[in-house]
PDB file of N, CA and C in Angstrom:
ATOM      1  N   ALA A   1      83.200-103.463  97.880  1.00  0.00           N
ATOM      2  CA  ALA A   1      83.440-104.838  97.470  1.00  0.00           C
ATOM      3  C   ALA A   1      82.472-105.733  98.227  1.00  0.00           C
ATOM      4  N   LYS A   2      81.486-106.248  97.532  1.00  0.00           N
ATOM      5  CA  LYS A   2      80.521-107.140  98.168  1.00  0.00           C
ATOM      6  C   LYS A   2      80.725-108.589  97.749  1.00  0.00           C
ATOM      7  N   LYS A   3      81.631-108.816  96.808  1.00  0.00           N
ATOM      8  CA  LYS A   3      81.946-110.175  96.353  1.00  0.00           C
ATOM      9  C   LYS A   3      83.457-110.287  96.237  1.00  0.00           C
ATOM     10  N   TRP A   4      84.001-111.454  96.575  1.00  0.00           N
ATOM     11  CA  TRP A   4      85.438-111.637  96.482  1.00  0.00           C
ATOM     12  C   TRP A   4      85.775-113.117  96.405  1.00  0.00           C
ATOM     13  N   ILE A   5      87.050-113.370  96.152  1.00  0.00           N
ATOM     14  CA  ILE A   5      87.579-114.733  96.143  1.00  0.00           C
ATOM     15  C   ILE A   5      88.340-114.927  97.450  1.00  0.00           C
ATOM     16  N   ASN A   6      87.896-115.867  98.259  1.00  0.00           N
ATOM     17  CA  ASN A   6      88.627-116.245  99.461  1.00  0.00           C
ATOM     18  C   ASN A   6      89.664-117.269  98.999  1.00  0.00           C
ATOM     19  N   ILE A   7      90.922-116.836  98.889  1.00  0.00           N
ATOM     20  CA  ILE A   7      91.963-117.689  98.332  1.00  0.00           C
ATOM     21  C   ILE A   7      92.186-118.938  99.176  1.00  0.00           C
ATOM     22  N   ARG A   8      91.986-118.827 100.494  1.00  0.00           N
ATOM     23  CA  ARG A   8      92.143-120.004 101.358  1.00  0.00           C
ATOM     24  C   ARG A   8      91.124-121.074 100.991  1.00  0.00           C
ATOM     25  N   LYS A   9      89.900-120.648 100.760  1.00  0.00           N
ATOM     26  CA  LYS A   9      88.833-121.584 100.390  1.00  0.00           C
ATOM     27  C   LYS A   9      89.118-122.201  99.014  1.00  0.00           C
ATOM     28  N   SER A  10      89.522-121.358  98.054  1.00  0.00           N
ATOM     29  CA  SER A  10      89.839-121.846  96.711  1.00  0.00           C
ATOM     30  C   SER A  10      91.010-122.816  96.739  1.00  0.00           C
ATOM     31  N   TYR A  11      92.042-122.477  97.493  1.00  0.00           N
ATOM     32  CA  TYR A  11      93.228-123.321  97.613  1.00  0.00           C
ATOM     33  C   TYR A  11      92.856-124.688  98.191  1.00  0.00           C
ATOM     34  N   GLY A  12      92.110-124.676  99.287  1.00  0.00           N
ATOM     35  CA  GLY A  12      91.713-125.931  99.928  1.00  0.00           C
ATOM     36  C   GLY A  12      90.888-126.815  99.012  1.00  0.00           C
ATOM     37  N   ASN A  13      89.949-126.212  98.292  1.00  0.00           N
ATOM     38  CA  ASN A  13      89.110-126.979  97.372  1.00  0.00           C
ATOM     39  C   ASN A  13      89.909-127.503  96.185  1.00  0.00           C
ATOM     40  N   PHE A  14      90.792-126.683  95.634  1.00  0.00           N
ATOM     41  CA  PHE A  14      91.539-127.084  94.435  1.00  0.00           C
ATOM     42  C   PHE A  14      92.568-128.163  94.733  1.00  0.00           C
ATOM     43  N   TYR A  15      93.337-127.968  95.805  1.00  0.00           N
ATOM     44  CA  TYR A  15      94.397-128.924  96.127  1.00  0.00           C
ATOM     45  C   TYR A  15      93.933-130.014  97.096  1.00  0.00           C
ATOM     46  N   LYS A  16      92.658-129.967  97.486  1.00  0.00           N
ATOM     47  CA  LYS A  16      92.071-130.988  98.357  1.00  0.00           C
ATOM     48  C   LYS A  16      92.817-131.108  99.684  1.00  0.00           C
ATOM     49  N   VAL A  17      92.972-129.972 100.357  1.00  0.00           N
ATOM     50  CA  VAL A  17      93.623-129.969 101.669  1.00  0.00           C
ATOM     51  C   VAL A  17      92.647-129.408 102.698  1.00  0.00           C
ATOM     52  N   PRO A  18      92.769-129.845 103.962  1.00  0.00           N
ATOM     53  CA  PRO A  18      91.863-129.343 105.010  1.00  0.00           C
ATOM     54  C   PRO A  18      92.129-127.872 105.322  1.00  0.00           C
ATOM     55  N   ARG A  19      91.138-127.244 105.915  1.00  0.00           N
ATOM     56  CA  ARG A  19      91.188-125.812 106.238  1.00  0.00           C
ATOM     57  C   ARG A  19      92.412-125.439 107.081  1.00  0.00           C
ATOM     58  N   ASN A  20      92.864-126.338 107.959  1.00  0.00           N
ATOM     59  CA  ASN A  20      94.011-126.004 108.811  1.00  0.00           C
ATOM     60  C   ASN A  20      95.325-125.972 108.029  1.00  0.00           C
ATOM     61  N   GLN A  21      95.300-126.336 106.755  1.00  0.00           N
ATOM     62  CA  GLN A  21      96.494-126.272 105.905  1.00  0.00           C
ATOM     63  C   GLN A  21      96.397-125.130 104.892  1.00  0.00           C
ATOM     64  N   THR A  22      95.536-124.149 105.189  1.00  0.00           N
ATOM     65  CA  THR A  22      95.379-123.037 104.256  1.00  0.00           C
ATOM     66  C   THR A  22      95.824-121.704 104.847  1.00  0.00           C
ATOM     67  N   LYS A  23      96.699-121.752 105.828  1.00  0.00           N
ATOM     68  CA  LYS A  23      97.315-120.521 106.324  1.00  0.00           C
ATOM     69  C   LYS A  23      98.345-120.077 105.288  1.00  0.00           C
ATOM     70  N   LEU A  24      98.566-118.789 105.196  1.00  0.00           N
ATOM     71  CA  LEU A  24      99.424-118.232 104.145  1.00  0.00           C
ATOM     72  C   LEU A  24     100.793-118.904 104.086  1.00  0.00           C
ATOM     73  N   THR A  25     101.466-119.010 105.219  1.00  0.00           N
ATOM     74  CA  THR A  25     102.814-119.596 105.207  1.00  0.00           C
ATOM     75  C   THR A  25     102.794-121.071 104.811  1.00  0.00           C
ATOM     76  N   ILE A  26     101.762-121.791 105.220  1.00  0.00           N
ATOM     77  CA  ILE A  26     101.657-123.213 104.871  1.00  0.00           C
ATOM     78  C   ILE A  26     101.376-123.374 103.380  1.00  0.00           C
ATOM     79  N   MET A  27     100.484-122.539 102.831  1.00  0.00           N
ATOM     80  CA  MET A  27     100.194-122.616 101.394  1.00  0.00           C
ATOM     81  C   MET A  27     101.463-122.371 100.584  1.00  0.00           C
ATOM     82  N   LEU A  28     102.215-121.333 100.952  1.00  0.00           N
ATOM     83  CA  LEU A  28     103.462-121.034 100.240  1.00  0.00           C
ATOM     84  C   LEU A  28     104.428-122.203 100.336  1.00  0.00           C
ATOM     85  N   GLU A  29     104.593-122.733 101.535  1.00  0.00           N
ATOM     86  CA  GLU A  29     105.515-123.846 101.757  1.00  0.00           C
ATOM     87  C   GLU A  29     105.126-125.051 100.903  1.00  0.00           C
ATOM     88  N   GLN A  30     103.835-125.396 100.877  1.00  0.00           N
ATOM     89  CA  GLN A  30     103.368-126.541 100.099  1.00  0.00           C
ATOM     90  C   GLN A  30     103.572-126.347  98.597  1.00  0.00           C
ATOM     91  N   LEU A  31     103.629-125.078  98.158  1.00  0.00           N
ATOM     92  CA  LEU A  31     103.859-124.781  96.741  1.00  0.00           C
ATOM     93  C   LEU A  31     105.338-124.593  96.428  1.00  0.00           C
ATOM     94  N   GLY A  32     106.202-124.810  97.448  1.00  0.00           N
ATOM     95  CA  GLY A  32     107.642-124.690  97.247  1.00  0.00           C
ATOM     96  C   GLY A  32     108.127-123.256  97.174  1.00  0.00           C
ATOM     97  N   MET A  33     107.387-122.341  97.798  1.00  0.00           N
ATOM     98  CA  MET A  33     107.748-120.925  97.773  1.00  0.00           C
ATOM     99  C   MET A  33     108.115-120.456  99.178  1.00  0.00           C
ATOM    100  N   ASN A  34     108.942-119.438  99.236  1.00  0.00           N
ATOM    101  CA  ASN A  34     109.268-118.778 100.496  1.00  0.00           C
ATOM    102  C   ASN A  34     108.402-117.549 100.649  1.00  0.00           C
ATOM    103  N   TYR A  35     108.167-117.144 101.903  1.00  0.00           N
ATOM    104  CA  TYR A  35     107.445-115.912 102.160  1.00  0.00           C
ATOM    105  C   TYR A  35     108.362-114.752 101.805  1.00  0.00           C
ATOM    106  N   ASP A  36     107.893-113.832 100.968  1.00  0.00           N
ATOM    107  CA  ASP A  36     108.652-112.644 100.606  1.00  0.00           C
ATOM    108  C   ASP A  36     108.166-111.469 101.442  1.00  0.00           C
ATOM    109  N   GLY A  37     109.089-110.797 102.141  1.00  0.00           N
ATOM    110  CA  GLY A  37     108.731-109.604 102.897  1.00  0.00           C
ATOM    111  C   GLY A  37     108.593-109.855 104.380  1.00  0.00           C
ATOM    112  N   ARG A  38     107.889-108.931 105.031  1.00  0.00           N
ATOM    113  CA  ARG A  38     107.666-108.991 106.474  1.00  0.00           C
ATOM    114  C   ARG A  38     106.305-109.623 106.755  1.00  0.00           C
ATOM    115  N   PRO A  39     106.247-110.637 107.612  1.00  0.00           N
ATOM    116  CA  PRO A  39     104.949-111.237 107.960  1.00  0.00           C
ATOM    117  C   PRO A  39     103.987-110.197 108.539  1.00  0.00           C
ATOM    118  N   HIS A  40     102.754-110.310 108.189  1.00  0.00           N
ATOM    119  CA  HIS A  40     101.658-109.464 108.656  1.00  0.00           C
ATOM    120  C   HIS A  40     101.720-108.038 108.115  1.00  0.00           C
ATOM    121  N   SER A  41     102.589-107.784 107.152  1.00  0.00           N
ATOM    122  CA  SER A  41     102.555-106.516 106.426  1.00  0.00           C
ATOM    123  C   SER A  41     101.470-106.665 105.369  1.00  0.00           C
ATOM    124  N   GLY A  42     100.516-105.758 105.362  1.00  0.00           N
ATOM    125  CA  GLY A  42      99.405-105.867 104.409  1.00  0.00           C
ATOM    126  C   GLY A  42      99.879-105.969 102.965  1.00  0.00           C
ATOM    127  N   LEU A  43     100.847-105.137 102.587  1.00  0.00           N
ATOM    128  CA  LEU A  43     101.355-105.153 101.217  1.00  0.00           C
ATOM    129  C   LEU A  43     102.071-106.463 100.921  1.00  0.00           C
ATOM    130  N   ASP A  44     102.940-106.902 101.829  1.00  0.00           N
ATOM    131  CA  ASP A  44     103.683-108.145 101.605  1.00  0.00           C
ATOM    132  C   ASP A  44     102.747-109.357 101.600  1.00  0.00           C
ATOM    133  N   ASP A  45     101.770-109.384 102.511  1.00  0.00           N
ATOM    134  CA  ASP A  45     100.790-110.479 102.495  1.00  0.00           C
ATOM    135  C   ASP A  45     100.053-110.500 101.154  1.00  0.00           C
ATOM    136  N   SER A  46      99.658-109.339 100.669  1.00  0.00           N
ATOM    137  CA  SER A  46      98.931-109.259  99.390  1.00  0.00           C
ATOM    138  C   SER A  46      99.773-109.777  98.229  1.00  0.00           C
ATOM    139  N   LYS A  47     101.031-109.409  98.226  1.00  0.00           N
ATOM    140  CA  LYS A  47     101.927-109.886  97.158  1.00  0.00           C
ATOM    141  C   LYS A  47     102.078-111.400  97.211  1.00  0.00           C
ATOM    142  N   ASN A  48     102.194-111.952  98.410  1.00  0.00           N
ATOM    143  CA  ASN A  48     102.326-113.403  98.546  1.00  0.00           C
ATOM    144  C   ASN A  48     101.041-114.121  98.160  1.00  0.00           C
ATOM    145  N   ILE A  49      99.899-113.545  98.501  1.00  0.00           N
ATOM    146  CA  ILE A  49      98.615-114.118  98.086  1.00  0.00           C
ATOM    147  C   ILE A  49      98.516-114.105  96.562  1.00  0.00           C
ATOM    148  N   ALA A  50      98.971-113.025  95.937  1.00  0.00           N
ATOM    149  CA  ALA A  50      98.958-112.939  94.471  1.00  0.00           C
ATOM    150  C   ALA A  50      99.845-114.028  93.864  1.00  0.00           C
ATOM    151  N   ARG A  51     100.989-114.299  94.478  1.00  0.00           N
ATOM    152  CA  ARG A  51     101.871-115.357  93.981  1.00  0.00           C
ATOM    153  C   ARG A  51     101.172-116.716  94.057  1.00  0.00           C
ATOM    154  N   ILE A  52     100.426-116.943  95.129  1.00  0.00           N
ATOM    155  CA  ILE A  52      99.674-118.198  95.265  1.00  0.00           C
ATOM    156  C   ILE A  52      98.598-118.276  94.181  1.00  0.00           C
ATOM    157  N   ALA A  53      97.873-117.180  93.971  1.00  0.00           N
ATOM    158  CA  ALA A  53      96.817-117.161  92.953  1.00  0.00           C
ATOM    159  C   ALA A  53      97.393-117.438  91.572  1.00  0.00           C
ATOM    160  N   ILE A  54      98.526-116.843  91.251  1.00  0.00           N
ATOM    161  CA  ILE A  54      99.166-117.080  89.949  1.00  0.00           C
ATOM    162  C   ILE A  54      99.521-118.549  89.800  1.00  0.00           C
ATOM    163  N   ARG A  55     100.090-119.133  90.840  1.00  0.00           N
ATOM    164  CA  ARG A  55     100.461-120.551  90.783  1.00  0.00           C
ATOM    165  C   ARG A  55      99.228-121.435  90.596  1.00  0.00           C
ATOM    166  N   MET A  56      98.152-121.089  91.305  1.00  0.00           N
ATOM    167  CA  MET A  56      96.924-121.868  91.169  1.00  0.00           C
ATOM    168  C   MET A  56      96.402-121.799  89.736  1.00  0.00           C
ATOM    169  N   LEU A  57      96.443-120.620  89.133  1.00  0.00           N
ATOM    170  CA  LEU A  57      96.008-120.471  87.744  1.00  0.00           C
ATOM    171  C   LEU A  57      96.897-121.289  86.815  1.00  0.00           C
ATOM    172  N   GLN A  58      98.202-121.275  87.055  1.00  0.00           N
ATOM    173  CA  GLN A  58      99.132-122.067  86.251  1.00  0.00           C
ATOM    174  C   GLN A  58      98.847-123.556  86.392  1.00  0.00           C
ATOM    175  N   ASP A  59      98.387-123.968  87.566  1.00  0.00           N
ATOM    176  CA  ASP A  59      98.080-125.381  87.818  1.00  0.00           C
ATOM    177  C   ASP A  59      96.694-125.774  87.295  1.00  0.00           C
ATOM    178  N   GLY A  60      95.961-124.819  86.706  1.00  0.00           N
ATOM    179  CA  GLY A  60      94.674-125.130  86.100  1.00  0.00           C
ATOM    180  C   GLY A  60      93.451-124.746  86.904  1.00  0.00           C
ATOM    181  N   CYS A  61      93.639-124.062  88.007  1.00  0.00           N
ATOM    182  CA  CYS A  61      92.503-123.640  88.823  1.00  0.00           C
ATOM    183  C   CYS A  61      91.736-122.518  88.117  1.00  0.00           C
ATOM    184  N   GLU A  62      90.435-122.558  88.198  1.00  0.00           N
ATOM    185  CA  GLU A  62      89.589-121.488  87.691  1.00  0.00           C
ATOM    186  C   GLU A  62      89.069-120.732  88.903  1.00  0.00           C
ATOM    187  N   LEU A  63      89.713-119.624  89.221  1.00  0.00           N
ATOM    188  CA  LEU A  63      89.334-118.855  90.402  1.00  0.00           C
ATOM    189  C   LEU A  63      87.985-118.189  90.175  1.00  0.00           C
ATOM    190  N   ARG A  64      87.086-118.363  91.127  1.00  0.00           N
ATOM    191  CA  ARG A  64      85.739-117.799  91.054  1.00  0.00           C
ATOM    192  C   ARG A  64      85.395-117.108  92.368  1.00  0.00           C
ATOM    193  N   VAL A  65      84.496-116.149  92.282  1.00  0.00           N
ATOM    194  CA  VAL A  65      83.959-115.533  93.490  1.00  0.00           C
ATOM    195  C   VAL A  65      83.368-116.646  94.343  1.00  0.00           C
ATOM    196  N   ASN A  66      83.757-116.686  95.634  1.00  0.00           N
ATOM    197  CA  ASN A  66      83.233-117.746  96.495  1.00  0.00           C
ATOM    198  C   ASN A  66      82.663-117.215  97.812  1.00  0.00           C
ATOM    199  N   GLU A  67      82.702-115.902  97.999  1.00  0.00           N
ATOM    200  CA  GLU A  67      82.081-115.304  99.176  1.00  0.00           C
ATOM    201  C   GLU A  67      81.492-113.957  98.798  1.00  0.00           C
ATOM    202  N   ARG A  68      80.452-113.568  99.558  1.00  0.00           N
ATOM    203  CA  ARG A  68      79.834-112.264  99.321  1.00  0.00           C
ATOM    204  C   ARG A  68      79.169-111.793 100.600  1.00  0.00           C
ATOM    205  N   MET A  69      78.876-110.499 100.638  1.00  0.00           N
ATOM    206  CA  MET A  69      78.126-109.918 101.751  1.00  0.00           C
ATOM    207  C   MET A  69      76.708-109.663 101.262  1.00  0.00           C
ATOM    208  N   HIS A  70      75.733-110.032 102.089  1.00  0.00           N
ATOM    209  CA  HIS A  70      74.338-109.765 101.767  1.00  0.00           C
ATOM    210  C   HIS A  70      73.640-109.382 103.063  1.00  0.00           C
ATOM    211  N   ALA A  71      73.122-108.188 103.092  1.00  0.00           N
ATOM    212  CA  ALA A  71      72.430-107.674 104.277  1.00  0.00           C
ATOM    213  C   ALA A  71      73.301-107.791 105.531  1.00  0.00           C
ATOM    214  N   GLY A  72      74.590-107.499 105.369  1.00  0.00           N
ATOM    215  CA  GLY A  72      75.505-107.525 106.502  1.00  0.00           C
ATOM    216  C   GLY A  72      75.954-108.906 106.923  1.00  0.00           C
ATOM    217  N   GLN A  73      75.568-109.934 106.190  1.00  0.00           N
ATOM    218  CA  GLN A  73      75.924-111.307 106.530  1.00  0.00           C
ATOM    219  C   GLN A  73      76.899-111.869 105.490  1.00  0.00           C
ATOM    220  N   LEU A  74      77.925-112.582 105.957  1.00  0.00           N
ATOM    221  CA  LEU A  74      78.857-113.271 105.079  1.00  0.00           C
ATOM    222  C   LEU A  74      78.170-114.508 104.528  1.00  0.00           C
ATOM    223  N   MET A  75      78.208-114.662 103.204  1.00  0.00           N
ATOM    224  CA  MET A  75      77.556-115.808 102.566  1.00  0.00           C
ATOM    225  C   MET A  75      78.540-116.495 101.625  1.00  0.00           C
ATOM    226  N   THR A  76      78.437-117.802 101.538  1.00  0.00           N
ATOM    227  CA  THR A  76      79.226-118.574 100.591  1.00  0.00           C
ATOM    228  C   THR A  76      78.500-118.586  99.259  1.00  0.00           C
ATOM    229  N   VAL A  77      79.266-118.436  98.174  1.00  0.00           N
ATOM    230  CA  VAL A  77      78.708-118.484  96.826  1.00  0.00           C
ATOM    231  C   VAL A  77      78.960-119.885  96.286  1.00  0.00           C
ATOM    232  N   SER A  78      77.945-120.494  95.735  1.00  0.00           N
ATOM    233  CA  SER A  78      78.061-121.844  95.182  1.00  0.00           C
ATOM    234  C   SER A  78      79.080-121.872  94.054  1.00  0.00           C
ATOM    235  N   SER A  79      79.911-122.906  94.036  1.00  0.00           N
ATOM    236  CA  SER A  79      80.907-123.032  92.971  1.00  0.00           C
ATOM    237  C   SER A  79      80.258-123.364  91.636  1.00  0.00           C
ATOM    238  N   SER A  80      78.984-123.757  91.652  1.00  0.00           N
ATOM    239  CA  SER A  80      78.297-124.057  90.400  1.00  0.00           C
ATOM    240  C   SER A  80      77.604-122.825  89.820  1.00  0.00           C
ATOM    241  N   ALA A  81      77.682-121.708  90.551  1.00  0.00           N
ATOM    242  CA  ALA A  81      77.074-120.472  90.048  1.00  0.00           C
ATOM    243  C   ALA A  81      77.822-120.014  88.798  1.00  0.00           C
ATOM    244  N   PRO A  82      77.106-119.418  87.851  1.00  0.00           N
ATOM    245  CA  PRO A  82      77.784-118.963  86.638  1.00  0.00           C
ATOM    246  C   PRO A  82      78.802-117.875  86.943  1.00  0.00           C
ATOM    247  N   LEU A  83      79.829-117.790  86.112  1.00  0.00           N
ATOM    248  CA  LEU A  83      80.835-116.746  86.268  1.00  0.00           C
ATOM    249  C   LEU A  83      80.208-115.398  86.010  1.00  0.00           C
ATOM    250  N   GLU A  84      80.641-114.406  86.758  1.00  0.00           N
ATOM    251  CA  GLU A  84      80.120-113.060  86.595  1.00  0.00           C
ATOM    252  C   GLU A  84      81.233-112.132  86.156  1.00  0.00           C
ATOM    253  N   GLY A  85      80.846-110.971  85.651  1.00  0.00           N
ATOM    254  CA  GLY A  85      81.819-109.944  85.335  1.00  0.00           C
ATOM    255  C   GLY A  85      82.292-110.013  83.903  1.00  0.00           C
ATOM    256  N   ALA A  86      83.370-109.322  83.657  1.00  0.00           N
ATOM    257  CA  ALA A  86      83.924-109.218  82.310  1.00  0.00           C
ATOM    258  C   ALA A  86      84.618-110.512  81.919  1.00  0.00           C
ATOM    259  N   PRO A  87      84.730-110.760  80.621  1.00  0.00           N
ATOM    260  CA  PRO A  87      85.472-111.948  80.184  1.00  0.00           C
ATOM    261  C   PRO A  87      86.947-111.805  80.548  1.00  0.00           C
ATOM    262  N   ALA A  88      87.627-112.927  80.615  1.00  0.00           N
ATOM    263  CA  ALA A  88      89.051-112.919  80.945  1.00  0.00           C
ATOM    264  C   ALA A  88      89.814-112.114  79.902  1.00  0.00           C
ATOM    265  N   PRO A  89      90.830-111.361  80.317  1.00  0.00           N
ATOM    266  CA  PRO A  89      91.607-110.580  79.352  1.00  0.00           C
ATOM    267  C   PRO A  89      92.362-111.487  78.402  1.00  0.00           C
ATOM    268  N   GLN A  90      92.530-111.027  77.199  1.00  0.00           N
ATOM    269  CA  GLN A  90      93.254-111.775  76.175  1.00  0.00           C
ATOM    270  C   GLN A  90      94.641-111.166  76.011  1.00  0.00           C
ATOM    271  N   MET A  91      95.599-111.986  75.612  1.00  0.00           N
ATOM    272  CA  MET A  91      96.933-111.480  75.329  1.00  0.00           C
ATOM    273  C   MET A  91      96.834-110.553  74.124  1.00  0.00           C
ATOM    274  N   PRO A  92      97.564-109.439  74.131  1.00  0.00           N
ATOM    275  CA  PRO A  92      97.510-108.547  72.974  1.00  0.00           C
ATOM    276  C   PRO A  92      98.093-109.224  71.740  1.00  0.00           C
ATOM    277  N   ARG A  93      97.525-108.908  70.626  1.00  0.00           N
ATOM    278  CA  ARG A  93      98.016-109.440  69.358  1.00  0.00           C
ATOM    279  C   ARG A  93      98.835-108.361  68.690  1.00  0.00           C
ATOM    280  N   TYR A  94     100.024-108.740  68.290  1.00  0.00           N
ATOM    281  CA  TYR A  94     100.926-107.790  67.666  1.00  0.00           C
ATOM    282  C   TYR A  94     100.878-107.926  66.161  1.00  0.00           C
ATOM    283  N   ARG A  95     100.904-106.803  65.509  1.00  0.00           N
ATOM    284  CA  ARG A  95     100.940-106.823  64.041  1.00  0.00           C
ATOM    285  C   ARG A  95     102.365-106.862  63.571  1.00  0.00           C
ATOM    286  N   ASN A  96     102.587-107.605  62.521  1.00  0.00           N
ATOM    287  CA  ASN A  96     103.955-107.672  61.939  1.00  0.00           C
ATOM    288  C   ASN A  96     104.159-106.571  60.951  1.00  0.00           C
TER     289      ASN A  96
END
């Protein structure tokens, strides 16, 4: 994985909050959610991050890759860069 979405960065930019308000528990609290599971459990943290991402998408956020590794260095990806990868999945269409 050389490219990813830093949810803290996306959250701060989308909701216009400073970096010190992008800790996992604070993000959940600001969205009216409780932390599910055990703190610092990798699986539980991942599930809670996914809940935040879903809420952001519901609120109209367009999540984009915003960080990458290049030659061993962490780099920020411009938000104006074109979207990469496959198109967004479509809901299945059912035949009657």
